[in-house]
């Protein structure tokens, strides 16, 4: 049976652990708040960029339909889908519940469905968790992006964009799909699988063909959005 001295030592040890845990919680809370603020600040940019791209694409397709000449822009090229590149976005660290598990489960489901349909699937991964998942299963990877979360910014985005676009522009893959967790709140994320390329107009934006104006077929509102984004 523990004596009084051992009990006191144990109480002191538990109190020290509580202090360390409390400090870790404060640091994690501060990081979470900063990350959430960055996500919220970037969301308007992402939404408006998607709208502009959709309108440019729709304008290009409308012009191609009228002229009977298919668009020559490589990012609009539509080919029979025989090969697909999946860009799977995970975190570098764990201890975040089912965050990574849900992404990887969705990515695996997408991979198996496409392979069952006779399509070749290549996988590019952002984040160590995704890399480790596929390496343990000995599934070959097209590319692993390392250190993206450590230096997140426009230059890192360009590195990813250049690498995943290269096989599409060369005709080695016919479609690029991204698998990620869409942020809803600190406690809620929605696993999303959506196409990146080829670019396609979002029909929900407008029931009518986009008006033409300027070199890219943008109307005044679209031009103003471009200016606001830059």
Protein backbone atom coordinates (compact mmCIF):
# COMPACT_ATOMS: atom_id res chain seq x y z
CA UNK A 1 0.00 0.00 0.00
CA UNK A 2 1.32 3.44 -0.96
CA UNK A 3 2.47 5.60 1.92
CA UNK A 4 1.67 9.29 2.35
CA UNK A 5 4.91 10.42 0.69
CA UNK A 6 4.18 8.40 -2.49
CA UNK A 7 0.63 9.74 -2.64
CA UNK A 8 1.86 13.32 -2.37
CA UNK A 9 4.46 12.68 -5.08
CA UNK A 10 1.74 11.24 -7.30
CA UNK A 11 -0.53 14.24 -6.72
CA UNK A 12 2.34 16.60 -7.60
CA UNK A 13 3.06 14.63 -10.78
CA UNK A 14 -0.57 14.77 -11.88
CA UNK A 15 -0.71 18.53 -11.25
CA UNK A 16 2.43 19.04 -13.36
CA UNK A 17 0.89 17.01 -16.17
CA UNK A 18 -2.27 19.11 -15.96
CA UNK A 19 -0.23 22.30 -16.34
CA UNK A 20 1.59 20.93 -19.40
CA UNK A 21 -1.67 19.72 -20.95
CA UNK A 22 -3.33 23.07 -20.31
CA UNK A 23 -0.44 24.90 -21.99
CA UNK A 24 -0.58 22.53 -24.99
CA UNK A 25 -4.32 23.12 -25.26
CA UNK A 26 -3.82 26.90 -25.31
CA UNK A 27 -1.16 26.63 -28.03
CA UNK A 28 -3.34 24.28 -30.11
CA UNK A 29 -6.33 26.58 -29.67
CA UNK A 30 -4.34 29.59 -30.87
CA UNK A 31 -3.10 27.68 -33.92
CA UNK A 32 -6.60 26.48 -34.72
CA UNK A 33 -7.95 30.02 -34.51
CA UNK A 34 -5.24 31.34 -36.86
CA UNK A 35 -5.83 28.52 -39.33
CA UNK A 36 -9.59 29.08 -39.26
CA UNK A 37 -9.14 32.82 -39.85
CA UNK A 38 -6.92 32.11 -42.88
CA UNK A 39 -9.46 29.69 -44.33
CA UNK A 40 -12.32 32.14 -43.88
CA UNK A 41 -10.25 34.96 -45.39
CA UNK A 42 -9.33 32.87 -48.46
CA UNK A 43 -12.83 31.55 -49.13
CA UNK A 44 -14.15 34.68 -50.96
CA UNK A 45 -11.10 34.56 -53.24
CA UNK A 46 -11.70 30.88 -54.03
CA UNK A 47 -15.42 31.39 -54.66
CA UNK A 48 -14.95 34.40 -56.95
CA UNK A 49 -12.10 32.71 -58.81
CA UNK A 50 -14.34 29.71 -59.47
CA UNK A 51 -17.09 32.01 -60.76
CA UNK A 52 -14.74 33.82 -63.14
CA UNK A 53 -13.29 30.54 -64.45
CA UNK A 54 -16.80 29.15 -64.95
CA UNK A 55 -17.87 32.23 -66.91
CA UNK A 56 -14.74 32.26 -69.05
CA UNK A 57 -15.20 28.56 -69.81
CA UNK A 58 -18.89 28.99 -70.60
CA UNK A 59 -18.11 31.94 -72.89
CA UNK A 60 -15.47 29.92 -74.71
CA UNK A 61 -17.82 26.99 -75.20
CA UNK A 62 -20.63 29.24 -76.41
CA UNK A 63 -18.29 30.80 -78.97
CA UNK A 64 -17.09 27.34 -80.06
CA UNK A 65 -20.70 26.17 -80.51
CA UNK A 66 -21.52 29.18 -82.67
CA UNK A 67 -18.42 28.92 -84.82
CA UNK A 68 -18.44 25.13 -84.98
CA UNK A 69 -14.73 25.13 -84.10
CA UNK A 70 -13.68 23.29 -80.97
CA UNK A 71 -11.76 25.32 -78.39
CA UNK A 72 -8.00 24.96 -78.71
CA UNK A 73 -7.22 25.92 -75.11
CA UNK A 74 -5.46 22.92 -73.49
CA UNK A 75 -7.26 23.35 -70.17
CA UNK A 76 -10.61 23.00 -71.92
CA UNK A 77 -9.63 19.86 -73.83
CA UNK A 78 -12.14 17.06 -73.37
CA UNK A 79 -11.03 13.54 -74.16
CA UNK A 80 -12.52 10.12 -73.48
CA UNK A 81 -11.48 9.41 -69.88
CA UNK A 82 -8.98 6.56 -69.98
CA UNK A 83 -6.57 7.84 -67.35
CA UNK A 84 -7.24 9.90 -64.21
CA UNK A 85 -4.99 11.70 -61.75
CA UNK A 86 -6.27 11.84 -58.17
CA UNK A 87 -4.84 14.65 -56.03
CA UNK A 88 -5.36 13.50 -52.43
CA UNK A 89 -4.93 16.21 -49.79
CA UNK A 90 -4.15 15.03 -46.25
CA UNK A 91 -2.38 16.44 -43.21
CA UNK A 92 1.21 15.89 -42.07
CA UNK A 93 0.20 14.93 -38.55
CA UNK A 94 -2.37 12.74 -36.86
CA UNK A 95 -4.44 13.12 -33.70
CA UNK A 96 -7.23 14.82 -35.64
CA UNK A 97 -9.97 12.23 -35.41
CA UNK A 98 -11.27 10.87 -38.69
CA UNK A 99 -9.95 13.82 -40.73
CA UNK A 100 -7.42 11.80 -42.74
CA UNK A 101 -9.27 8.50 -42.52
CA UNK A 102 -12.34 9.89 -44.26
CA UNK A 103 -10.28 11.47 -47.05
CA UNK A 104 -8.30 8.30 -47.70
CA UNK A 105 -11.43 6.15 -47.60
CA UNK A 106 -13.07 8.37 -50.23
CA UNK A 107 -9.90 8.37 -52.35
CA UNK A 108 -9.67 4.58 -52.22
CA UNK A 109 -13.33 4.23 -53.16
CA UNK A 110 -12.80 6.57 -56.13
CA UNK A 111 -9.67 4.69 -57.20
CA UNK A 112 -11.34 1.28 -57.09
CA UNK A 113 -14.46 2.46 -58.93
CA UNK A 114 -12.42 3.98 -61.73
CA UNK A 115 -10.13 0.99 -62.04
CA UNK A 116 -13.20 -1.27 -62.16
CA UNK A 117 -14.43 0.91 -65.05
CA UNK A 118 -11.19 0.22 -66.91
CA UNK A 119 -9.52 3.57 -66.24
CA UNK A 120 -5.88 3.96 -65.26
CA UNK A 121 -5.53 5.85 -61.97
CA UNK A 122 -2.48 7.86 -60.92
CA UNK A 123 -2.26 9.29 -57.41
CA UNK A 124 -0.54 12.45 -56.21
CA UNK A 125 -0.49 13.12 -52.48
CA UNK A 126 -0.14 16.20 -50.32
CA UNK A 127 0.66 15.39 -46.68
CA UNK A 128 2.63 12.69 -44.88
CA UNK A 129 -0.48 10.82 -43.76
CA UNK A 130 -1.54 10.17 -47.32
CA UNK A 131 2.00 9.23 -48.33
CA UNK A 132 2.32 6.73 -45.47
CA UNK A 133 -1.13 5.25 -46.22
CA UNK A 134 -0.24 4.39 -49.81
CA UNK A 135 3.31 3.33 -49.08
CA UNK A 136 2.10 0.82 -46.50
CA UNK A 137 -0.17 -0.68 -49.15
CA UNK A 138 2.60 -0.58 -51.75
CA UNK A 139 0.45 1.48 -54.12
CA UNK A 140 2.70 3.43 -56.53
CA UNK A 141 2.40 7.20 -56.35
CA UNK A 142 2.72 9.66 -59.22
CA UNK A 143 4.14 12.30 -56.87
CA UNK A 144 4.40 13.15 -53.17
CA UNK A 145 4.41 16.85 -52.26
CA UNK A 146 6.56 17.27 -49.16
CA UNK A 147 6.68 20.27 -46.85
CA UNK A 148 3.65 22.00 -48.39
CA UNK A 149 2.00 22.71 -45.03
CA UNK A 150 5.24 24.05 -43.57
CA UNK A 151 5.52 26.81 -46.18
CA UNK A 152 1.96 27.23 -47.35
CA UNK A 153 1.60 30.10 -49.80
CA UNK A 154 1.25 31.07 -53.48
CA UNK A 155 4.61 29.56 -54.43
CA UNK A 156 3.70 26.19 -52.92
CA UNK A 157 0.39 26.33 -54.81
CA UNK A 158 2.29 26.98 -58.06
CA UNK A 159 4.53 23.98 -57.42
CA UNK A 160 1.51 21.72 -56.99
CA UNK A 161 -0.30 23.21 -59.99
CA UNK A 162 2.66 22.80 -62.35
CA UNK A 163 3.23 19.21 -61.34
CA UNK A 164 -0.38 17.99 -61.61
CA UNK A 165 -1.11 19.97 -64.79
CA UNK A 166 1.90 18.66 -66.68
CA UNK A 167 0.52 15.16 -67.43
CA UNK A 168 -2.88 16.63 -68.36
CA UNK A 169 -1.34 19.07 -70.84
CA UNK A 170 0.77 16.27 -72.32
CA UNK A 171 -2.33 14.10 -72.74
CA UNK A 172 -1.07 11.46 -70.31
CA UNK A 173 -4.18 11.85 -68.14
CA UNK A 174 -7.63 12.90 -69.30
CA UNK A 175 -9.02 14.18 -66.00
CA UNK A 176 -7.74 15.52 -62.68
CA UNK A 177 -9.83 14.96 -59.55
CA UNK A 178 -9.11 16.41 -56.12
CA UNK A 179 -10.05 14.65 -52.85
CA UNK A 180 -10.11 16.85 -49.76
CA UNK A 181 -12.04 17.90 -46.66
CA UNK A 182 -14.17 20.98 -47.28
CA UNK A 183 -14.08 23.18 -44.19
CA UNK A 184 -17.44 23.84 -42.58
CA UNK A 185 -16.40 24.55 -39.00
CA UNK A 186 -13.69 23.51 -36.56
CA UNK A 187 -15.72 20.40 -35.75
CA UNK A 188 -17.23 19.67 -39.15
CA UNK A 189 -15.63 18.96 -42.52
CA UNK A 190 -17.19 17.46 -45.62
CA UNK A 191 -15.19 14.97 -47.69
CA UNK A 192 -15.33 16.16 -51.29
CA UNK A 193 -14.27 14.58 -54.58
CA UNK A 194 -14.51 17.09 -57.40
CA UNK A 195 -13.02 17.60 -60.88
CA UNK A 196 -10.27 20.15 -61.41
CA UNK A 197 -9.57 19.68 -65.10
CA UNK A 198 -10.70 19.90 -67.79
CA UNK A 199 -12.36 23.16 -66.85
CA UNK A 200 -16.12 23.08 -67.12
CA UNK A 201 -18.74 25.82 -66.80
CA UNK A 202 -20.81 25.70 -63.62
CA UNK A 203 -24.35 25.73 -64.93
CA UNK A 204 -25.79 26.69 -61.57
CA UNK A 205 -24.21 30.13 -61.84
CA UNK A 206 -26.47 31.33 -64.59
CA UNK A 207 -29.36 30.01 -66.66
CA UNK A 208 -28.39 32.17 -69.65
CA UNK A 209 -25.19 32.16 -71.69
CA UNK A 210 -22.67 34.60 -70.26
CA UNK A 211 -22.64 37.98 -71.98
CA UNK A 212 -19.63 38.85 -74.01
CA UNK A 213 -17.48 41.76 -73.09
CA UNK A 214 -13.76 42.23 -73.30
CA UNK A 215 -11.16 39.83 -74.58
CA UNK A 216 -12.33 36.86 -72.51
CA UNK A 217 -16.08 37.23 -72.87
CA UNK A 218 -16.56 38.68 -69.39
CA UNK A 219 -19.27 41.14 -68.50
CA UNK A 220 -18.73 44.20 -66.34
CA UNK A 221 -19.48 42.38 -63.08
CA UNK A 222 -16.92 39.70 -63.90
CA UNK A 223 -14.29 42.28 -64.73
CA UNK A 224 -14.94 44.00 -61.41
CA UNK A 225 -14.54 40.66 -59.62
CA UNK A 226 -11.21 40.12 -61.36
CA UNK A 227 -10.06 43.54 -60.21
CA UNK A 228 -11.19 42.85 -56.66
CA UNK A 229 -9.29 39.55 -56.60
CA UNK A 230 -6.08 41.20 -57.75
